[in-house]
Amino acid sequence: RGRGRGAGARDQARGSSQLSCHAFEATSPRRRCGNLLGGIGGSEGGRRRRGGIACEAGGGGGEKKFQDVVEHLFLLRLDPAKVDRAEAQRCVENIWSLQYRLGGVICSSAGASDANKVASGISSEEMGRLDGLDFYTHAVHFRFPALAQLEAFLASPVVRELLDEELAKAQCEGTLAASFESRLPENLFAIFRKGQDWDEGHEHIVVMQRKEGAPAAAVEEKLEHMRAYLEEHEPRMEEYGLQQVTFAKAIGDESRIGLLMRFRNEYDFDYFTNSGLYTDFIAVSPEEQTLHVVSYPVGGSQKSASPPLM
């Protein structure tokens, strides 16, 4: 069951089963900080606003006013042969609920990945050559106003103790964490603080990992392509259902790009990802990158969703 909330409202790599909270960590420019969580947000009601989707830090601008944010994505692999669906949900929701025990979180969401959505829009030929597409089964996402709040949150003993406990109980087989700095148009930033009336939608998380042996410049070239594509096609991407997108190079890891996309519902998600805009935007290149994807419904949107990857 997907969980989401706007601040102020109450709603939600392979390794050993004894993964510690350090699986949650990524190196920041100042110090190492926990980096476990991924996928969070509210959604806007009413009609979609022209020019309202977000952009990667450092791109776009124009007449819009922007608010800086830090996205924290945490992907988990929970083996259904070792932990049942209810226990997996309990684990993810307990991690998600950390937002109520510590300050600094703007909004958050969590859920089990929908197997039917992970590869949406990706051709069968590309799927056959992509590594890691459906390795992760769940995700938690937190959004912070600045890097300092993220670091304080993840350095907290409360966070570390809960992560150690939950990952051990669920016999977690792998985690992947990525944090990145981006920005949102101020109108969307406010929307994601509205509360439970805004906690419906569909989250789509992608972490692109440069393969060993691929050119070091491949990551920056990918980012430049994504920035240019968004600048040119933003109105059309919005018309095809994309409500918000943030992306950037991962903090402390030059080989990763984090991408978070938000849709009002699964039908907008399907329409967008199958339009060709999605794959043109992320420019899938199996020879250069591993693609890790978790895609899940939040709030009421989950009622019509297909069974998750469990």
C-alpha atoms as a PDB file:
ATOM      1  CA  ARG A   1       0.000   0.000   0.000  1.00  0.00           C
ATOM      2  CA  GLY A   2       1.463   3.319  -1.032  1.00  0.00           C
ATOM      3  CA  ARG A   3       1.708   6.058   1.539  1.00  0.00           C
ATOM      4  CA  GLY A   4       1.997   9.794   1.015  1.00  0.00           C
ATOM      5  CA  ARG A   5       1.554  13.012   2.888  1.00  0.00           C
ATOM      6  CA  GLY A   6       1.995  16.752   2.648  1.00  0.00           C
ATOM      7  CA  ALA A   7       3.712  18.263   5.692  1.00  0.00           C
ATOM      8  CA  GLY A   8       1.260  18.904   8.517  1.00  0.00           C
ATOM      9  CA  ALA A   9      -1.079  16.003   7.644  1.00  0.00           C
ATOM     10  CA  ARG A  10      -1.066  12.428   9.003  1.00  0.00           C
ATOM     11  CA  ASP A  11      -1.578   9.771   6.293  1.00  0.00           C
ATOM     12  CA  GLN A  12       2.769   7.942   4.881  1.00  0.00           C
ATOM     13  CA  ALA A  13      22.402  -3.499  -4.343  1.00  0.00           C
ATOM     14  CA  ARG A  14      22.579  -6.532  -3.149  1.00  0.00           C
ATOM     15  CA  GLY A  15      23.858  -7.362   0.315  1.00  0.00           C
ATOM     16  CA  SER A  16      23.234  -9.442   3.424  1.00  0.00           C
ATOM     17  CA  SER A  17      19.985  -9.542   5.397  1.00  0.00           C
ATOM     18  CA  GLN A  18      21.767  -7.741   8.241  1.00  0.00           C
ATOM     19  CA  LEU A  19      22.232  -4.467   6.352  1.00  0.00           C
ATOM     20  CA  SER A  20      22.976  -1.590   8.713  1.00  0.00           C
ATOM     21  CA  CYS A  21      21.855   2.007   8.540  1.00  0.00           C
ATOM     22  CA  HIS A  22      25.015   2.726   6.558  1.00  0.00           C
ATOM     23  CA  ALA A  23      23.148   1.289   3.556  1.00  0.00           C
ATOM     24  CA  PHE A  24      21.144   4.474   3.895  1.00  0.00           C
ATOM     25  CA  GLU A  25      24.219   6.681   3.563  1.00  0.00           C
ATOM     26  CA  ALA A  26      25.825   8.671   0.795  1.00  0.00           C
ATOM     27  CA  THR A  27      28.740  11.031   0.923  1.00  0.00           C
ATOM     28  CA  SER A  28      27.802  14.700   1.029  1.00  0.00           C
ATOM     29  CA  PRO A  29      30.187  17.579   0.321  1.00  0.00           C
ATOM     30  CA  ARG A  30      30.402  18.173   4.087  1.00  0.00           C
ATOM     31  CA  ARG A  31      30.234  14.735   5.648  1.00  0.00           C
ATOM     32  CA  ARG A  32      28.752  11.277   5.273  1.00  0.00           C
ATOM     33  CA  CYS A  33      25.048  11.241   5.936  1.00  0.00           C
ATOM     34  CA  GLY A  34      22.362   8.591   5.898  1.00  0.00           C
ATOM     35  CA  ASN A  35      20.808   8.138   2.481  1.00  0.00           C
ATOM     36  CA  LEU A  36      18.306   5.333   2.752  1.00  0.00           C
ATOM     37  CA  LEU A  37      14.926   6.716   1.875  1.00  0.00           C
ATOM     38  CA  GLY A  38      13.175   7.416  -1.433  1.00  0.00           C
ATOM     39  CA  GLY A  39       9.827   8.567  -3.106  1.00  0.00           C
ATOM     40  CA  ILE A  40       7.584  11.182  -1.412  1.00  0.00           C
ATOM     41  CA  GLY A  41       5.026  13.869  -2.256  1.00  0.00           C
ATOM     42  CA  GLY A  42       1.480  15.188  -2.390  1.00  0.00           C
ATOM     43  CA  SER A  43      -0.464  16.048  -5.512  1.00  0.00           C
ATOM     44  CA  GLU A  44      -2.350  18.983  -6.910  1.00  0.00           C
ATOM     45  CA  GLY A  45      -6.126  18.908  -7.184  1.00  0.00           C
ATOM     46  CA  GLY A  46      -8.126  20.488 -10.004  1.00  0.00           C
ATOM     47  CA  ARG A  47      -6.794  21.220 -13.459  1.00  0.00           C
ATOM     48  CA  ARG A  48      -3.147  20.894 -14.343  1.00  0.00           C
ATOM     49  CA  ARG A  49      -1.326  24.227 -14.416  1.00  0.00           C
ATOM     50  CA  ARG A  50       0.559  25.230 -17.515  1.00  0.00           C
ATOM     51  CA  GLY A  51       4.268  25.513 -16.865  1.00  0.00           C
ATOM     52  CA  GLY A  52       3.874  23.956 -13.437  1.00  0.00           C
ATOM     53  CA  ILE A  53       6.190  20.961 -13.608  1.00  0.00           C
ATOM     54  CA  ALA A  54       9.502  21.185 -11.835  1.00  0.00           C
ATOM     55  CA  CYS A  55      12.969  21.208 -13.322  1.00  0.00           C
ATOM     56  CA  GLU A  56      16.461  20.054 -12.434  1.00  0.00           C
ATOM     57  CA  ALA A  57      18.570  22.464 -10.465  1.00  0.00           C
ATOM     58  CA  GLY A  58      20.354  24.930 -12.676  1.00  0.00           C
ATOM     59  CA  GLY A  59      18.021  24.647 -15.666  1.00  0.00           C
ATOM     60  CA  GLY A  60      15.166  26.789 -16.927  1.00  0.00           C
ATOM     61  CA  GLY A  61      14.067  29.892 -15.092  1.00  0.00           C
ATOM     62  CA  GLY A  62      12.165  32.496 -17.087  1.00  0.00           C
ATOM     63  CA  GLU A  63       9.501  34.305 -15.100  1.00  0.00           C
ATOM     64  CA  LYS A  64       8.916  31.457 -12.680  1.00  0.00           C
ATOM     65  CA  LYS A  65      10.035  31.588  -9.086  1.00  0.00           C
ATOM     66  CA  PHE A  66      11.640  28.455  -7.720  1.00  0.00           C
ATOM     67  CA  GLN A  67      12.154  26.847  -4.333  1.00  0.00           C
ATOM     68  CA  ASP A  68      15.242  24.720  -3.675  1.00  0.00           C
ATOM     69  CA  VAL A  69      14.618  21.168  -2.440  1.00  0.00           C
ATOM     70  CA  VAL A  70      16.695  18.101  -1.639  1.00  0.00           C
ATOM     71  CA  GLU A  71      15.243  14.751  -2.719  1.00  0.00           C
ATOM     72  CA  HIS A  72      16.216  11.607  -0.845  1.00  0.00           C
ATOM     73  CA  LEU A  73      15.431   8.291  -2.586  1.00  0.00           C
ATOM     74  CA  PHE A  74      15.741   4.921  -0.875  1.00  0.00           C
ATOM     75  CA  LEU A  75      15.111   1.689  -2.763  1.00  0.00           C
ATOM     76  CA  LEU A  76      14.790  -1.706  -1.042  1.00  0.00           C
ATOM     77  CA  ARG A  77      14.755  -5.319  -2.146  1.00  0.00           C
ATOM     78  CA  LEU A  78      12.489  -7.453   0.039  1.00  0.00           C
ATOM     79  CA  ASP A  79      12.291 -11.097  -1.050  1.00  0.00           C
ATOM     80  CA  PRO A  80       8.668 -12.391  -1.023  1.00  0.00           C
ATOM     81  CA  ALA A  81      10.036 -15.876  -0.281  1.00  0.00           C
ATOM     82  CA  LYS A  82      11.391 -14.579   3.037  1.00  0.00           C
ATOM     83  CA  VAL A  83       8.901 -11.911   4.096  1.00  0.00           C
ATOM     84  CA  ASP A  84       5.175 -11.734   3.374  1.00  0.00           C
ATOM     85  CA  ARG A  85       3.455  -8.708   1.901  1.00  0.00           C
ATOM     86  CA  ALA A  86       2.084  -7.472   5.214  1.00  0.00           C
ATOM     87  CA  GLU A  87       5.499  -7.578   6.877  1.00  0.00           C
ATOM     88  CA  ALA A  88       7.111  -5.834   3.903  1.00  0.00           C
ATOM     89  CA  GLN A  89       4.477  -3.102   4.100  1.00  0.00           C
ATOM     90  CA  ARG A  90       5.032  -2.717   7.831  1.00  0.00           C
ATOM     91  CA  CYS A  91       8.779  -2.299   7.292  1.00  0.00           C
ATOM     92  CA  VAL A  92       8.376   0.364   4.621  1.00  0.00           C
ATOM     93  CA  GLU A  93       5.690   2.272   6.511  1.00  0.00           C
ATOM     94  CA  ASN A  94       7.767   2.309   9.686  1.00  0.00           C
ATOM     95  CA  ILE A  95      10.641   3.886   7.762  1.00  0.00           C
ATOM     96  CA  TRP A  96       8.213   6.321   6.131  1.00  0.00           C
ATOM     97  CA  SER A  97       6.831   7.286   9.569  1.00  0.00           C
ATOM     98  CA  LEU A  98      10.222   8.675  10.644  1.00  0.00           C
ATOM     99  CA  GLN A  99       9.012  12.017   9.297  1.00  0.00           C
ATOM    100  CA  TYR A 100       6.769  12.314  12.374  1.00  0.00           C
ATOM    101  CA  ARG A 101       9.564  11.664  14.841  1.00  0.00           C
ATOM    102  CA  LEU A 102      11.982  14.267  13.519  1.00  0.00           C
ATOM    103  CA  GLY A 103      11.610  17.653  11.887  1.00  0.00           C
ATOM    104  CA  GLY A 104      12.737  19.014   8.561  1.00  0.00           C
ATOM    105  CA  VAL A 105      10.690  16.865   6.142  1.00  0.00           C
ATOM    106  CA  ILE A 106       8.518  18.776   3.656  1.00  0.00           C
ATOM    107  CA  CYS A 107       6.627  15.754   2.345  1.00  0.00           C
ATOM    108  CA  SER A 108       7.073  12.022   1.838  1.00  0.00           C
ATOM    109  CA  SER A 109       5.664   8.831   0.316  1.00  0.00           C
ATOM    110  CA  ALA A 110       6.401   5.113   0.202  1.00  0.00           C
ATOM    111  CA  GLY A 111       5.119   2.022  -1.524  1.00  0.00           C
ATOM    112  CA  ALA A 112       5.577  -1.358  -3.170  1.00  0.00           C
ATOM    113  CA  SER A 113       6.653  -1.243  -6.797  1.00  0.00           C
ATOM    114  CA  ASP A 114       4.045  -2.174  -9.410  1.00  0.00           C
ATOM    115  CA  ALA A 115       5.607  -4.786 -11.683  1.00  0.00           C
ATOM    116  CA  ASN A 116       3.410  -3.639 -14.570  1.00  0.00           C
ATOM    117  CA  LYS A 117       4.712  -0.056 -14.374  1.00  0.00           C
ATOM    118  CA  VAL A 118       8.468  -0.512 -13.926  1.00  0.00           C
ATOM    119  CA  ALA A 119       9.213  -1.046 -17.610  1.00  0.00           C
ATOM    120  CA  SER A 120       6.405   1.125 -18.995  1.00  0.00           C
ATOM    121  CA  GLY A 121       7.439   2.726 -22.278  1.00  0.00           C
ATOM    122  CA  ILE A 122      10.693   0.748 -22.556  1.00  0.00           C
ATOM    123  CA  SER A 123      10.929  -1.456 -25.641  1.00  0.00           C
ATOM    124  CA  SER A 124      11.386  -5.208 -25.329  1.00  0.00           C
ATOM    125  CA  GLU A 125      14.752  -4.882 -27.080  1.00  0.00           C
ATOM    126  CA  GLU A 126      15.962  -2.320 -24.556  1.00  0.00           C
ATOM    127  CA  MET A 127      14.581  -4.368 -21.663  1.00  0.00           C
ATOM    128  CA  GLY A 128      16.573  -7.371 -22.782  1.00  0.00           C
ATOM    129  CA  ARG A 129      19.803  -5.364 -22.504  1.00  0.00           C
ATOM    130  CA  LEU A 130      19.068  -3.366 -19.356  1.00  0.00           C
ATOM    131  CA  ASP A 131      20.465  -4.480 -16.010  1.00  0.00           C
ATOM    132  CA  GLY A 132      18.745  -4.004 -12.653  1.00  0.00           C
ATOM    133  CA  LEU A 133      15.393  -2.795 -13.968  1.00  0.00           C
ATOM    134  CA  ASP A 134      13.221  -4.615 -11.443  1.00  0.00           C
ATOM    135  CA  PHE A 135      15.678  -5.614  -8.718  1.00  0.00           C
ATOM    136  CA  TYR A 136      14.176  -3.276  -6.083  1.00  0.00           C
ATOM    137  CA  THR A 137      10.688  -3.981  -4.801  1.00  0.00           C
ATOM    138  CA  HIS A 138       9.902  -0.974  -2.558  1.00  0.00           C
ATOM    139  CA  ALA A 139      10.852   2.654  -2.076  1.00  0.00           C
ATOM    140  CA  VAL A 140      10.618   5.467   0.450  1.00  0.00           C
ATOM    141  CA  HIS A 141      11.161   9.105  -0.501  1.00  0.00           C
ATOM    142  CA  PHE A 142      11.681  12.201   1.633  1.00  0.00           C
ATOM    143  CA  ARG A 143      11.854  15.805   0.460  1.00  0.00           C
ATOM    144  CA  PHE A 144      13.799  18.395   2.470  1.00  0.00           C
ATOM    145  CA  PRO A 145      14.155  22.168   2.082  1.00  0.00           C
ATOM    146  CA  ALA A 146      17.969  22.026   2.201  1.00  0.00           C
ATOM    147  CA  LEU A 147      20.927  19.679   2.588  1.00  0.00           C
ATOM    148  CA  ALA A 148      21.391  20.624   6.251  1.00  0.00           C
ATOM    149  CA  GLN A 149      17.950  19.236   7.139  1.00  0.00           C
ATOM    150  CA  LEU A 150      18.648  16.000   5.282  1.00  0.00           C
ATOM    151  CA  GLU A 151      21.977  15.539   7.049  1.00  0.00           C
ATOM    152  CA  ALA A 152      20.484  16.230  10.481  1.00  0.00           C
ATOM    153  CA  PHE A 153      17.635  13.801   9.818  1.00  0.00           C
ATOM    154  CA  LEU A 154      19.876  10.970   8.677  1.00  0.00           C
ATOM    155  CA  ALA A 155      22.492  11.519  11.371  1.00  0.00           C
ATOM    156  CA  SER A 156      19.857  11.119  14.089  1.00  0.00           C
ATOM    157  CA  PRO A 157      20.222   8.063  16.362  1.00  0.00           C
ATOM    158  CA  VAL A 158      16.446   7.604  16.055  1.00  0.00           C
ATOM    159  CA  VAL A 159      16.765   7.096  12.301  1.00  0.00           C
ATOM    160  CA  ARG A 160      19.790   4.832  12.588  1.00  0.00           C
ATOM    161  CA  GLU A 161      18.248   2.591  15.240  1.00  0.00           C
ATOM    162  CA  LEU A 162      14.976   2.181  13.367  1.00  0.00           C
ATOM    163  CA  LEU A 163      16.739   1.399  10.096  1.00  0.00           C
ATOM    164  CA  ASP A 164      18.953  -1.229  11.690  1.00  0.00           C
ATOM    165  CA  GLU A 165      15.927  -2.850  13.276  1.00  0.00           C
ATOM    166  CA  GLU A 166      13.609  -2.758  10.258  1.00  0.00           C
ATOM    167  CA  LEU A 167      16.156  -3.942   7.701  1.00  0.00           C
ATOM    168  CA  ALA A 168      17.072  -6.870   9.927  1.00  0.00           C
ATOM    169  CA  LYS A 169      13.449  -7.853  10.616  1.00  0.00           C
ATOM    170  CA  ALA A 170      12.515  -7.762   6.934  1.00  0.00           C
ATOM    171  CA  GLN A 171      15.707  -9.618   5.933  1.00  0.00           C
ATOM    172  CA  CYS A 172      16.346  -6.890   3.383  1.00  0.00           C
ATOM    173  CA  GLU A 173      18.473  -8.244   0.535  1.00  0.00           C
ATOM    174  CA  GLY A 174      19.609  -4.980  -0.979  1.00  0.00           C
ATOM    175  CA  THR A 175      19.298  -1.213  -0.842  1.00  0.00           C
ATOM    176  CA  LEU A 176      20.175   1.705  -3.046  1.00  0.00           C
ATOM    177  CA  ALA A 177      20.210   5.317  -1.894  1.00  0.00           C
ATOM    178  CA  ALA A 178      20.512   8.558  -3.815  1.00  0.00           C
ATOM    179  CA  SER A 179      20.088  12.170  -2.717  1.00  0.00           C
ATOM    180  CA  PHE A 180      20.139  15.134  -5.048  1.00  0.00           C
ATOM    181  CA  GLU A 181      19.565  18.874  -4.950  1.00  0.00           C
ATOM    182  CA  SER A 182      16.927  20.295  -7.260  1.00  0.00           C
ATOM    183  CA  ARG A 183      14.169  22.890  -7.253  1.00  0.00           C
ATOM    184  CA  LEU A 184      10.425  23.267  -7.750  1.00  0.00           C
ATOM    185  CA  PRO A 185       8.270  26.114  -9.011  1.00  0.00           C
ATOM    186  CA  GLU A 186       6.909  27.879  -5.926  1.00  0.00           C
ATOM    187  CA  ASN A 187       3.301  27.030  -6.816  1.00  0.00           C
ATOM    188  CA  LEU A 188       4.096  23.298  -6.753  1.00  0.00           C
ATOM    189  CA  PHE A 189       6.216  23.629  -3.626  1.00  0.00           C
ATOM    190  CA  ALA A 190       3.159  25.008  -1.800  1.00  0.00           C
ATOM    191  CA  ILE A 191       0.863  22.318  -3.194  1.00  0.00           C
ATOM    192  CA  PHE A 192       2.998  19.574  -1.714  1.00  0.00           C
ATOM    193  CA  ARG A 193       2.447  20.993   1.774  1.00  0.00           C
ATOM    194  CA  LYS A 194      -1.356  21.059   1.585  1.00  0.00           C
ATOM    195  CA  GLY A 195      -2.159  17.898   3.544  1.00  0.00           C
ATOM    196  CA  GLN A 196      -4.139  14.720   3.023  1.00  0.00           C
ATOM    197  CA  ASP A 197      -6.420  16.108   0.300  1.00  0.00           C
ATOM    198  CA  TRP A 198      -3.343  16.287  -1.900  1.00  0.00           C
ATOM    199  CA  ASP A 199      -1.960  12.842  -1.047  1.00  0.00           C
ATOM    200  CA  GLU A 200      -2.957  10.981  -4.194  1.00  0.00           C
ATOM    201  CA  GLY A 201      -0.961  10.273  -7.292  1.00  0.00           C
ATOM    202  CA  HIS A 202       1.656   7.999  -8.779  1.00  0.00           C
ATOM    203  CA  GLU A 203       5.394   8.210  -8.007  1.00  0.00           C
ATOM    204  CA  HIS A 204       8.033   7.013 -10.453  1.00  0.00           C
ATOM    205  CA  ILE A 205      11.626   6.804  -9.206  1.00  0.00           C
ATOM    206  CA  VAL A 206      14.592   6.134 -11.475  1.00  0.00           C
ATOM    207  CA  VAL A 207      18.231   5.853 -10.425  1.00  0.00           C
ATOM    208  CA  MET A 208      20.610   5.711 -13.380  1.00  0.00           C
ATOM    209  CA  GLN A 209      23.969   4.142 -12.583  1.00  0.00           C
ATOM    210  CA  ARG A 210      26.921   4.499 -14.952  1.00  0.00           C
ATOM    211  CA  LYS A 211      28.331   1.089 -15.782  1.00  0.00           C
ATOM    212  CA  GLU A 212      31.932   0.238 -15.059  1.00  0.00           C
ATOM    213  CA  GLY A 213      33.928   0.929 -18.184  1.00  0.00           C
ATOM    214  CA  ALA A 214      31.492   3.519 -19.544  1.00  0.00           C
ATOM    215  CA  PRO A 215      32.978   6.968 -20.212  1.00  0.00           C
ATOM    216  CA  ALA A 216      33.112   9.206 -17.146  1.00  0.00           C
ATOM    217  CA  ALA A 217      31.551  11.976 -19.211  1.00  0.00           C
ATOM    218  CA  ALA A 218      28.448   9.851 -19.848  1.00  0.00           C
ATOM    219  CA  VAL A 219      26.679  11.092 -16.704  1.00  0.00           C
ATOM    220  CA  GLU A 220      27.108  14.792 -17.471  1.00  0.00           C
ATOM    221  CA  GLU A 221      26.164  14.201 -21.103  1.00  0.00           C
ATOM    222  CA  LYS A 222      22.986  12.488 -19.932  1.00  0.00           C
ATOM    223  CA  LEU A 223      22.145  15.409 -17.638  1.00  0.00           C
ATOM    224  CA  GLU A 224      22.736  17.931 -20.410  1.00  0.00           C
ATOM    225  CA  HIS A 225      20.418  15.962 -22.671  1.00  0.00           C
ATOM    226  CA  MET A 226      17.700  15.811 -19.998  1.00  0.00           C
ATOM    227  CA  ARG A 227      17.960  19.553 -19.257  1.00  0.00           C
ATOM    228  CA  ALA A 228      17.731  20.459 -22.938  1.00  0.00           C
ATOM    229  CA  TYR A 229      14.883  18.044 -23.586  1.00  0.00           C
ATOM    230  CA  LEU A 230      12.854  19.368 -20.655  1.00  0.00           C
ATOM    231  CA  GLU A 231      13.411  22.965 -21.713  1.00  0.00           C
ATOM    232  CA  GLU A 232      12.215  22.232 -25.246  1.00  0.00           C
ATOM    233  CA  HIS A 233       9.361  19.834 -24.496  1.00  0.00           C
ATOM    234  CA  GLU A 234       8.046  20.896 -21.068  1.00  0.00           C
ATOM    235  CA  PRO A 235       4.597  22.069 -22.298  1.00  0.00           C
ATOM    236  CA  ARG A 236       4.040  18.834 -24.227  1.00  0.00           C
ATOM    237  CA  MET A 237       5.299  16.694 -21.337  1.00  0.00           C
ATOM    238  CA  GLU A 238       2.792  18.422 -19.083  1.00  0.00           C
ATOM    239  CA  GLU A 239      -0.035  17.945 -21.568  1.00  0.00           C
ATOM    240  CA  TYR A 240       0.779  14.243 -21.647  1.00  0.00           C
ATOM    241  CA  GLY A 241       0.326  13.906 -17.887  1.00  0.00           C
ATOM    242  CA  LEU A 242       3.612  14.758 -16.136  1.00  0.00           C
ATOM    243  CA  GLN A 243       2.860  16.796 -13.018  1.00  0.00           C
ATOM    244  CA  GLN A 244       6.353  17.251 -11.608  1.00  0.00           C
ATOM    245  CA  VAL A 245       9.898  16.098 -12.266  1.00  0.00           C
ATOM    246  CA  THR A 246      13.123  16.695 -10.377  1.00  0.00           C
ATOM    247  CA  PHE A 247      16.518  15.244 -11.286  1.00  0.00           C
ATOM    248  CA  ALA A 248      20.217  15.817 -10.785  1.00  0.00           C
ATOM    249  CA  LYS A 249      23.532  14.079 -10.206  1.00  0.00           C
ATOM    250  CA  ALA A 250      23.555  12.251  -6.880  1.00  0.00           C
ATOM    251  CA  ILE A 251      25.306  13.970  -3.983  1.00  0.00           C
ATOM    252  CA  GLY A 252      28.608  12.255  -3.291  1.00  0.00           C
ATOM    253  CA  ASP A 253      28.379   9.848  -6.240  1.00  0.00           C
ATOM    254  CA  GLU A 254      29.415  11.132  -9.658  1.00  0.00           C
ATOM    255  CA  SER A 255      28.227   7.905 -11.308  1.00  0.00           C
ATOM    256  CA  ARG A 256      24.510   8.249 -10.440  1.00  0.00           C
ATOM    257  CA  ILE A 257      21.583  10.379 -11.520  1.00  0.00           C
ATOM    258  CA  GLY A 258      18.430  10.516  -9.393  1.00  0.00           C
ATOM    259  CA  LEU A 259      15.073  11.164 -11.058  1.00  0.00           C
ATOM    260  CA  LEU A 260      11.679  11.614  -9.398  1.00  0.00           C
ATOM    261  CA  MET A 261       8.480  11.958 -11.445  1.00  0.00           C
ATOM    262  CA  ARG A 262       4.984  12.617 -10.156  1.00  0.00           C
ATOM    263  CA  PHE A 263       1.661  11.982 -11.890  1.00  0.00           C
ATOM    264  CA  ARG A 264      -1.891  12.696 -10.766  1.00  0.00           C
ATOM    265  CA  ASN A 265      -2.873   9.043 -11.284  1.00  0.00           C
ATOM    266  CA  GLU A 266      -1.767   5.838 -12.971  1.00  0.00           C
ATOM    267  CA  TYR A 267      -3.623   6.704 -16.190  1.00  0.00           C
ATOM    268  CA  ASP A 268      -1.588   9.890 -16.658  1.00  0.00           C
ATOM    269  CA  PHE A 269       1.509   7.822 -15.918  1.00  0.00           C
ATOM    270  CA  ASP A 270       0.608   5.241 -18.589  1.00  0.00           C
ATOM    271  CA  TYR A 271      -0.254   7.930 -21.124  1.00  0.00           C
ATOM    272  CA  PHE A 272       3.027   9.766 -20.592  1.00  0.00           C
ATOM    273  CA  THR A 273       5.385   6.790 -20.465  1.00  0.00           C
ATOM    274  CA  ASN A 274       3.863   5.211 -23.552  1.00  0.00           C
ATOM    275  CA  SER A 275       3.948   8.445 -25.569  1.00  0.00           C
ATOM    276  CA  GLY A 276       7.662   8.240 -26.363  1.00  0.00           C
ATOM    277  CA  LEU A 277       8.384  11.397 -24.357  1.00  0.00           C
ATOM    278  CA  TYR A 278       9.551   9.394 -21.346  1.00  0.00           C
ATOM    279  CA  THR A 279      12.145   7.257 -23.117  1.00  0.00           C
ATOM    280  CA  ASP A 280      13.307  10.204 -25.213  1.00  0.00           C
ATOM    281  CA  PHE A 281      13.761  12.199 -22.006  1.00  0.00           C
ATOM    282  CA  ILE A 282      15.764   9.601 -20.062  1.00  0.00           C
ATOM    283  CA  ALA A 283      17.538   8.406 -23.246  1.00  0.00           C
ATOM    284  CA  VAL A 284      17.928   4.753 -22.286  1.00  0.00           C
ATOM    285  CA  SER A 285      21.442   3.508 -23.112  1.00  0.00           C
ATOM    286  CA  PRO A 286      21.896  -0.104 -21.915  1.00  0.00           C
ATOM    287  CA  GLU A 287      25.582  -0.128 -22.879  1.00  0.00           C
ATOM    288  CA  GLU A 288      26.371   2.765 -20.533  1.00  0.00           C
ATOM    289  CA  GLN A 289      23.931   2.549 -17.640  1.00  0.00           C
ATOM    290  CA  THR A 290      22.101   0.310 -15.218  1.00  0.00           C
ATOM    291  CA  LEU A 291      18.529   1.455 -14.629  1.00  0.00           C
ATOM    292  CA  HIS A 292      16.877   0.965 -11.234  1.00  0.00           C
ATOM    293  CA  VAL A 293      13.151   1.784 -11.184  1.00  0.00           C
ATOM    294  CA  VAL A 294      10.451   1.719  -8.526  1.00  0.00           C
ATOM    295  CA  SER A 295       6.964   2.856  -9.532  1.00  0.00           C
ATOM    296  CA  TYR A 296       4.064   2.974  -7.079  1.00  0.00           C
ATOM    297  CA  PRO A 297       0.635   4.556  -6.480  1.00  0.00           C
ATOM    298  CA  VAL A 298       0.031   6.871  -3.531  1.00  0.00           C
ATOM    299  CA  GLY A 299      -3.210   7.371  -1.597  1.00  0.00           C
ATOM    300  CA  GLY A 300      -6.537   6.687  -3.344  1.00  0.00           C
ATOM    301  CA  SER A 301      -4.781   6.086  -6.659  1.00  0.00           C
ATOM    302  CA  GLN A 302      -3.509   2.773  -5.352  1.00  0.00           C
ATOM    303  CA  LYS A 303      -7.015   1.263  -5.344  1.00  0.00           C
ATOM    304  CA  SER A 304      -6.919   0.667  -9.090  1.00  0.00           C
ATOM    305  CA  ALA A 305      -3.281  -0.349  -9.247  1.00  0.00           C
ATOM    306  CA  SER A 306      -2.020  -3.759 -10.304  1.00  0.00           C
ATOM    307  CA  PRO A 307      -0.466  -6.117  -7.725  1.00  0.00           C
ATOM    308  CA  PRO A 308       3.015  -5.043  -6.617  1.00  0.00           C
ATOM    309  CA  LEU A 309       6.290  -6.869  -7.146  1.00  0.00           C
ATOM    310  CA  MET A 310       5.720  -9.318  -4.316  1.00  0.00           C
END
